[in-house]
């Protein structure tokens, strides 16, 4: 049976050569590298029908003698490793390309594309190595489920407060200012008592944030709600209660959905921007409203409260700067 030359297609990466030999149902294959020359011999169905096919290729630069090959119903795939991770200008030592050899455009990459592919593979390997060294938390799913439900309940609570107050404002107008406490206080009590979890969660390691900023915000609000509004009956019918409750709820209806989505590794860019931006106009208004409430306190207590508010404002500003600075670095 006469030996013929099959069609051979090639492509490369920095460390490997890929050859695709157009022989289907290859049998009796003999493939090896000797003195930097690849020898192929086998029987199968090629361009000249069922026959014996063979060819030899002398590589441009040194390759390793180990050759991997896989025969399929359509072709024979061959992988040869280079001695050095470098890009070759051509495949063969002879400048004139053999007639049976052609580029494999299904696997062909330019040098820059191959470098990018190599970097992606290295990054993926490094990520896997890092993840394998980091001890996985067996309770991670349970923790995320708890945090998701907590943020969902708070979101629903503050959404009810915000919608209820908005509807009453449109229907009753300014009259809604004077009975806000008696209408909304029960749900606000529930939400703010539940908010104590925001101090406990970082304290026990459920979330990675500082305990003190959360303590200042939660205790500051609870002081105003339970001590000033709850114990001073003359404050309960004041319009300032409406503004305090309304501003609190406006901030939280963006904050809690953001944390809910973070629990399921999801991000909405608009919601992220609102979560880290909406407080800029609302927080000073909230401070002003809360300041009007605590004006009845003695001067030393007033100074302490204002100091706490300043510390929390600085914390929020640092959070926003850190968040969007990180995004800019990723974009670059």
Protein backbone atom coordinates (compact mmCIF):
# COMPACT_ATOMS: atom_id res chain seq x y z
CA UNK A 1 0.00 0.00 0.00
CA UNK A 2 1.53 3.35 -1.09
CA UNK A 3 2.41 5.85 1.68
CA UNK A 4 0.93 9.32 1.16
CA UNK A 5 1.21 12.66 2.92
CA UNK A 6 -1.87 13.85 4.85
CA UNK A 7 -3.05 17.42 5.35
CA UNK A 8 -1.53 18.82 8.57
CA UNK A 9 -2.67 21.97 10.38
CA UNK A 10 -0.67 23.64 13.15
CA UNK A 11 -0.94 26.29 15.85
CA UNK A 12 1.23 27.26 18.80
CA UNK A 13 1.33 28.72 22.27
CA UNK A 14 4.40 29.89 24.14
CA UNK A 15 5.02 26.42 25.53
CA UNK A 16 3.37 24.01 23.08
CA UNK A 17 2.87 23.07 19.43
CA UNK A 18 -0.51 21.73 18.28
CA UNK A 19 -0.83 19.60 15.15
CA UNK A 20 -4.04 18.35 13.58
CA UNK A 21 -3.59 15.51 11.09
CA UNK A 22 -6.53 15.02 8.75
CA UNK A 23 -6.86 11.25 9.05
CA UNK A 24 -10.09 9.73 10.34
CA UNK A 25 -10.22 6.43 12.22
CA UNK A 26 -6.43 6.38 12.48
CA UNK A 27 -4.87 2.98 13.20
CA UNK A 28 -1.35 1.58 13.70
CA UNK A 29 -0.12 5.04 14.61
CA UNK A 30 3.61 5.61 15.07
CA UNK A 31 4.38 9.11 16.35
CA UNK A 32 7.65 10.25 17.91
CA UNK A 33 10.37 12.91 18.02
CA UNK A 34 13.97 12.04 17.20
CA UNK A 35 16.73 14.63 16.86
CA UNK A 36 14.11 17.40 16.90
CA UNK A 37 12.23 15.82 13.98
CA UNK A 38 8.63 14.65 14.34
CA UNK A 39 7.91 11.39 12.53
CA UNK A 40 4.33 10.38 11.85
CA UNK A 41 3.09 7.16 10.30
CA UNK A 42 -0.36 5.66 10.39
CA UNK A 43 -3.22 4.15 8.47
CA UNK A 44 -6.64 5.70 8.05
CA UNK A 45 -9.02 7.56 5.79
CA UNK A 46 -7.45 10.77 4.50
CA UNK A 47 -7.49 12.99 1.41
CA UNK A 48 -6.61 9.99 -0.79
CA UNK A 49 -9.09 7.63 0.83
CA UNK A 50 -8.16 4.63 2.95
CA UNK A 51 -4.40 4.45 2.85
CA UNK A 52 -1.14 4.65 4.76
CA UNK A 53 0.00 8.20 5.48
CA UNK A 54 3.28 9.55 6.79
CA UNK A 55 5.23 12.78 7.12
CA UNK A 56 8.20 14.33 8.93
CA UNK A 57 8.69 17.84 10.33
CA UNK A 58 11.97 19.32 11.58
CA UNK A 59 11.07 21.96 14.14
CA UNK A 60 12.51 25.46 14.15
CA UNK A 61 13.75 25.19 17.76
CA UNK A 62 14.31 22.34 20.25
CA UNK A 63 11.28 20.44 21.55
CA UNK A 64 10.86 17.81 24.23
CA UNK A 65 10.86 14.17 23.05
CA UNK A 66 7.57 13.34 24.78
CA UNK A 67 4.62 13.52 22.39
CA UNK A 68 0.94 13.35 23.27
CA UNK A 69 -1.58 12.28 20.66
CA UNK A 70 -5.24 11.40 20.47
CA UNK A 71 -7.01 9.71 17.57
CA UNK A 72 -10.68 10.50 16.93
CA UNK A 73 -13.15 9.54 14.24
CA UNK A 74 -12.25 12.72 12.34
CA UNK A 75 -8.55 13.44 12.99
CA UNK A 76 -5.39 12.82 14.97
CA UNK A 77 -4.44 15.57 17.45
CA UNK A 78 -0.78 15.87 18.43
CA UNK A 79 0.74 18.04 21.18
CA UNK A 80 4.49 18.69 21.37
CA UNK A 81 6.07 20.71 24.19
CA UNK A 82 8.76 23.30 23.47
CA UNK A 83 12.05 23.23 25.35
CA UNK A 84 11.71 26.99 26.01
CA UNK A 85 8.60 29.10 26.47
CA UNK A 86 9.16 31.37 23.47
CA UNK A 87 7.15 32.38 20.43
CA UNK A 88 8.27 30.91 17.09
CA UNK A 89 8.16 32.87 13.85
CA UNK A 90 7.43 29.66 11.95
CA UNK A 91 7.09 25.94 12.65
CA UNK A 92 9.84 24.30 10.59
CA UNK A 93 13.55 24.82 10.34
CA UNK A 94 13.35 25.15 6.57
CA UNK A 95 12.07 28.55 5.55
CA UNK A 96 9.89 27.20 2.77
CA UNK A 97 6.68 25.81 4.22
CA UNK A 98 5.84 22.20 3.22
CA UNK A 99 2.89 21.96 0.85
CA UNK A 100 0.90 19.70 3.20
CA UNK A 101 1.23 22.14 6.14
CA UNK A 102 -1.20 24.98 6.87
CA UNK A 103 -2.27 27.11 9.88
CA UNK A 104 -5.00 25.71 12.13
CA UNK A 105 -7.25 28.75 12.28
CA UNK A 106 -9.57 27.04 14.78
CA UNK A 107 -6.76 27.28 17.37
CA UNK A 108 -4.66 30.07 15.91
CA UNK A 109 -3.70 33.02 18.12
CA UNK A 110 -1.38 35.95 17.59
CA UNK A 111 1.47 36.34 20.05
CA UNK A 112 -0.30 39.10 22.02
CA UNK A 113 -3.50 37.02 22.24
CA UNK A 114 -1.50 34.00 23.37
CA UNK A 115 0.19 36.07 26.09
CA UNK A 116 -3.22 37.23 27.31
CA UNK A 117 -4.48 33.65 27.35
CA UNK A 118 -1.38 32.59 29.29
CA UNK A 119 -1.90 35.35 31.87
CA UNK A 120 -5.53 34.34 32.32
CA UNK A 121 -4.49 30.72 32.90
CA UNK A 122 -1.85 31.79 35.44
CA UNK A 123 -4.35 34.01 37.26
CA UNK A 124 -6.86 31.16 37.35
CA UNK A 125 -4.23 28.75 38.72
CA UNK A 126 -3.14 31.30 41.35
CA UNK A 127 -6.75 31.86 42.37
CA UNK A 128 -7.32 28.13 42.74
CA UNK A 129 -4.12 27.79 44.81
CA UNK A 130 -5.14 30.65 47.09
CA UNK A 131 -8.65 29.26 47.52
CA UNK A 132 -7.25 25.82 48.30
CA UNK A 133 -5.06 27.27 51.05
CA UNK A 134 -7.89 29.28 52.59
CA UNK A 135 -9.96 27.22 54.97
CA UNK A 136 -13.55 27.13 53.83
CA UNK A 137 -16.20 28.05 56.37
CA UNK A 138 -18.67 25.13 56.65
CA UNK A 139 -21.32 27.52 57.99
CA UNK A 140 -20.89 30.16 55.26
CA UNK A 141 -24.21 29.34 53.59
CA UNK A 142 -26.03 29.45 56.92
CA UNK A 143 -24.44 32.80 57.80
CA UNK A 144 -25.34 34.32 54.43
CA UNK A 145 -28.88 33.00 54.75
CA UNK A 146 -29.25 34.61 58.18
CA UNK A 147 -27.84 37.94 56.97
CA UNK A 148 -30.07 37.86 53.89
CA UNK A 149 -33.19 37.32 55.99
CA UNK A 150 -32.16 40.00 58.50
CA UNK A 151 -31.67 42.59 55.75
CA UNK A 152 -34.90 41.51 54.05
CA UNK A 153 -36.94 41.99 57.24
CA UNK A 154 -35.37 45.40 57.85
CA UNK A 155 -35.96 46.42 54.24
CA UNK A 156 -39.63 45.45 54.48
CA UNK A 157 -40.01 47.27 57.80
CA UNK A 158 -38.47 50.54 56.62
CA UNK A 159 -40.27 50.28 53.28
CA UNK A 160 -43.58 50.07 55.15
CA UNK A 161 -42.63 53.14 57.20
CA UNK A 162 -41.56 55.12 54.12
CA UNK A 163 -44.62 54.21 52.03
CA UNK A 164 -47.04 54.74 54.91
CA UNK A 165 -45.62 58.18 55.71
CA UNK A 166 -45.53 59.19 52.04
CA UNK A 167 -49.16 58.19 51.46
CA UNK A 168 -50.30 59.97 54.64
CA UNK A 169 -48.36 63.07 53.57
CA UNK A 170 -50.16 63.20 50.22
CA UNK A 171 -53.57 62.57 51.77
CA UNK A 172 -53.37 64.59 55.00
CA UNK A 173 -50.71 67.13 54.11
CA UNK A 174 -49.14 68.90 57.09
CA UNK A 175 -51.62 67.28 59.47
CA UNK A 176 -49.69 64.04 59.09
CA UNK A 177 -46.70 65.68 60.86
CA UNK A 178 -48.41 65.73 64.24
CA UNK A 179 -49.46 62.08 64.70
CA UNK A 180 -46.45 60.37 63.09
CA UNK A 181 -45.24 58.91 66.37
CA UNK A 182 -48.56 57.27 67.28
CA UNK A 183 -48.92 55.84 63.74
CA UNK A 184 -45.38 54.70 63.00
CA UNK A 185 -43.69 54.19 66.38
CA UNK A 186 -44.52 50.47 66.81
CA UNK A 187 -42.86 49.46 63.54
CA UNK A 188 -39.94 51.83 64.17
CA UNK A 189 -39.49 50.31 67.63
CA UNK A 190 -39.32 46.86 66.04
CA UNK A 191 -36.81 47.89 63.36
CA UNK A 192 -34.54 49.73 65.76
CA UNK A 193 -34.57 46.94 68.35
CA UNK A 194 -33.70 44.50 65.58
CA UNK A 195 -30.93 46.86 64.46
CA UNK A 196 -28.98 45.91 67.61
CA UNK A 197 -27.93 42.89 65.50
CA UNK A 198 -25.78 45.30 63.50
CA UNK A 199 -23.60 45.67 66.58
CA UNK A 200 -23.63 41.96 67.41
CA UNK A 201 -22.88 40.76 63.85
CA UNK A 202 -19.43 42.39 63.54
CA UNK A 203 -18.67 41.60 67.19
CA UNK A 204 -19.07 37.84 66.54
CA UNK A 205 -17.45 37.97 63.08
CA UNK A 206 -20.52 37.55 60.89
CA UNK A 207 -19.63 40.68 58.92
CA UNK A 208 -16.30 42.41 58.35
CA UNK A 209 -16.90 45.91 59.61
CA UNK A 210 -16.09 47.93 62.69
CA UNK A 211 -18.15 47.49 65.83
CA UNK A 212 -17.84 51.08 67.04
CA UNK A 213 -19.42 52.89 64.01
CA UNK A 214 -22.39 50.50 64.13
CA UNK A 215 -22.67 50.95 67.90
CA UNK A 216 -22.68 54.75 67.57
CA UNK A 217 -25.38 54.78 64.88
CA UNK A 218 -27.66 52.20 66.48
CA UNK A 219 -27.35 53.50 70.03
CA UNK A 220 -27.69 57.11 68.87
CA UNK A 221 -30.94 56.37 67.05
CA UNK A 222 -32.27 54.24 69.89
CA UNK A 223 -31.50 57.02 72.36
CA UNK A 224 -33.57 59.46 70.31
CA UNK A 225 -36.37 56.95 69.69
CA UNK A 226 -36.73 55.34 73.12
CA UNK A 227 -35.51 58.08 75.47
CA UNK A 228 -36.46 61.36 73.82
CA UNK A 229 -39.54 60.36 71.79
CA UNK A 230 -40.60 57.48 73.99
CA UNK A 231 -40.41 59.16 77.40
CA UNK A 232 -41.10 62.83 76.57
CA UNK A 233 -44.78 62.94 75.63
CA UNK A 234 -44.56 66.57 74.55
CA UNK A 235 -42.10 65.51 71.81
CA UNK A 236 -44.40 62.86 70.34
CA UNK A 237 -46.69 65.38 68.62
CA UNK A 238 -43.89 67.51 67.21
CA UNK A 239 -43.31 67.72 63.41
CA UNK A 240 -39.63 66.89 64.00
CA UNK A 241 -40.66 63.26 64.62
CA UNK A 242 -41.94 63.08 61.04
CA UNK A 243 -38.67 64.37 59.59
CA UNK A 244 -36.49 62.09 61.73
CA UNK A 245 -38.49 58.95 60.84
CA UNK A 246 -38.75 59.91 57.17
CA UNK A 247 -35.02 60.57 56.79
CA UNK A 248 -34.09 57.35 58.58
CA UNK A 249 -36.36 55.29 56.33
CA UNK A 250 -35.12 56.99 53.13
CA UNK A 251 -31.55 55.98 53.94
CA UNK A 252 -32.41 52.41 54.93
CA UNK A 253 -34.57 51.51 51.90
CA UNK A 254 -31.37 51.72 49.83
CA UNK A 255 -28.91 50.34 52.37
CA UNK A 256 -30.64 47.07 53.23
CA UNK A 257 -31.33 45.91 49.62
CA UNK A 258 -27.64 46.53 48.87
CA UNK A 259 -26.62 44.19 51.69
CA UNK A 260 -29.28 41.66 50.65
CA UNK A 261 -27.79 41.40 47.16
CA UNK A 262 -24.27 41.21 48.60
CA UNK A 263 -25.32 38.06 50.47
CA UNK A 264 -26.03 36.36 47.13
CA UNK A 265 -22.94 37.84 45.41
CA UNK A 266 -25.00 40.17 43.21
CA UNK A 267 -24.55 43.87 42.56
CA UNK A 268 -26.74 46.49 40.89
CA UNK A 269 -24.59 49.47 39.97
CA UNK A 270 -27.36 52.02 40.46
CA UNK A 271 -28.21 50.61 43.88
CA UNK A 272 -24.51 50.62 44.84
CA UNK A 273 -24.20 54.26 43.82
CA UNK A 274 -27.35 55.20 45.77
CA UNK A 275 -26.24 53.27 48.86
CA UNK A 276 -22.92 55.15 48.98
CA UNK A 277 -24.25 58.54 47.83
CA UNK A 278 -27.80 59.12 49.10
CA UNK A 279 -26.56 59.66 52.65
CA UNK A 280 -24.56 62.75 51.58
CA UNK A 281 -27.63 65.04 51.47
CA UNK A 282 -29.76 63.01 53.89
CA UNK A 283 -27.27 62.54 56.72
CA UNK A 284 -26.77 66.29 57.44
CA UNK A 285 -30.56 66.73 57.36
CA UNK A 286 -30.88 63.83 59.78
CA UNK A 287 -28.25 65.35 62.05
CA UNK A 288 -30.12 68.65 62.00
CA UNK A 289 -33.41 66.94 62.87
CA UNK A 290 -31.83 64.86 65.62
CA UNK A 291 -30.06 67.96 66.91
CA UNK A 292 -33.42 69.68 67.31
CA UNK A 293 -34.58 66.70 69.37
CA UNK A 294 -31.62 66.70 71.74
CA UNK A 295 -31.62 70.46 72.30
CA UNK A 296 -33.59 69.70 75.46
CA UNK A 297 -30.59 67.86 76.88
CA UNK A 298 -27.92 69.45 79.02
CA UNK A 299 -24.97 70.93 77.11
CA UNK A 300 -22.41 68.15 77.96
CA UNK A 301 -24.82 65.46 76.70
CA UNK A 302 -25.45 67.49 73.55
CA UNK A 303 -21.70 67.68 72.85
CA UNK A 304 -21.37 63.90 73.26
CA UNK A 305 -24.20 63.26 70.81
CA UNK A 306 -22.79 65.64 68.21
CA UNK A 307 -19.35 64.04 68.60
CA UNK A 308 -20.83 60.60 67.90
CA UNK A 309 -22.60 61.94 64.81
CA UNK A 310 -19.35 63.44 63.48
CA UNK A 311 -17.49 60.13 63.96
CA UNK A 312 -20.21 58.25 62.07
CA UNK A 313 -20.22 60.80 59.25
CA UNK A 314 -16.47 60.37 58.83
CA UNK A 315 -16.90 56.58 58.79
CA UNK A 316 -19.54 56.78 56.03
CA UNK A 317 -17.35 59.09 53.96
CA UNK A 318 -14.38 56.71 54.23
CA UNK A 319 -16.59 53.79 53.19
CA UNK A 320 -17.73 55.65 50.08
CA UNK A 321 -14.21 56.76 49.14
CA UNK A 322 -12.83 53.25 49.58
CA UNK A 323 -15.64 51.67 47.56
CA UNK A 324 -15.38 53.89 44.50
CA UNK A 325 -11.58 54.13 44.63
CA UNK A 326 -11.46 50.32 44.41
CA UNK A 327 -13.83 50.35 41.41
CA UNK A 328 -11.65 52.90 39.59
CA UNK A 329 -8.56 50.74 40.14
CA UNK A 330 -10.35 47.69 38.69
CA UNK A 331 -11.48 49.73 35.69
CA UNK A 332 -7.90 50.84 35.01
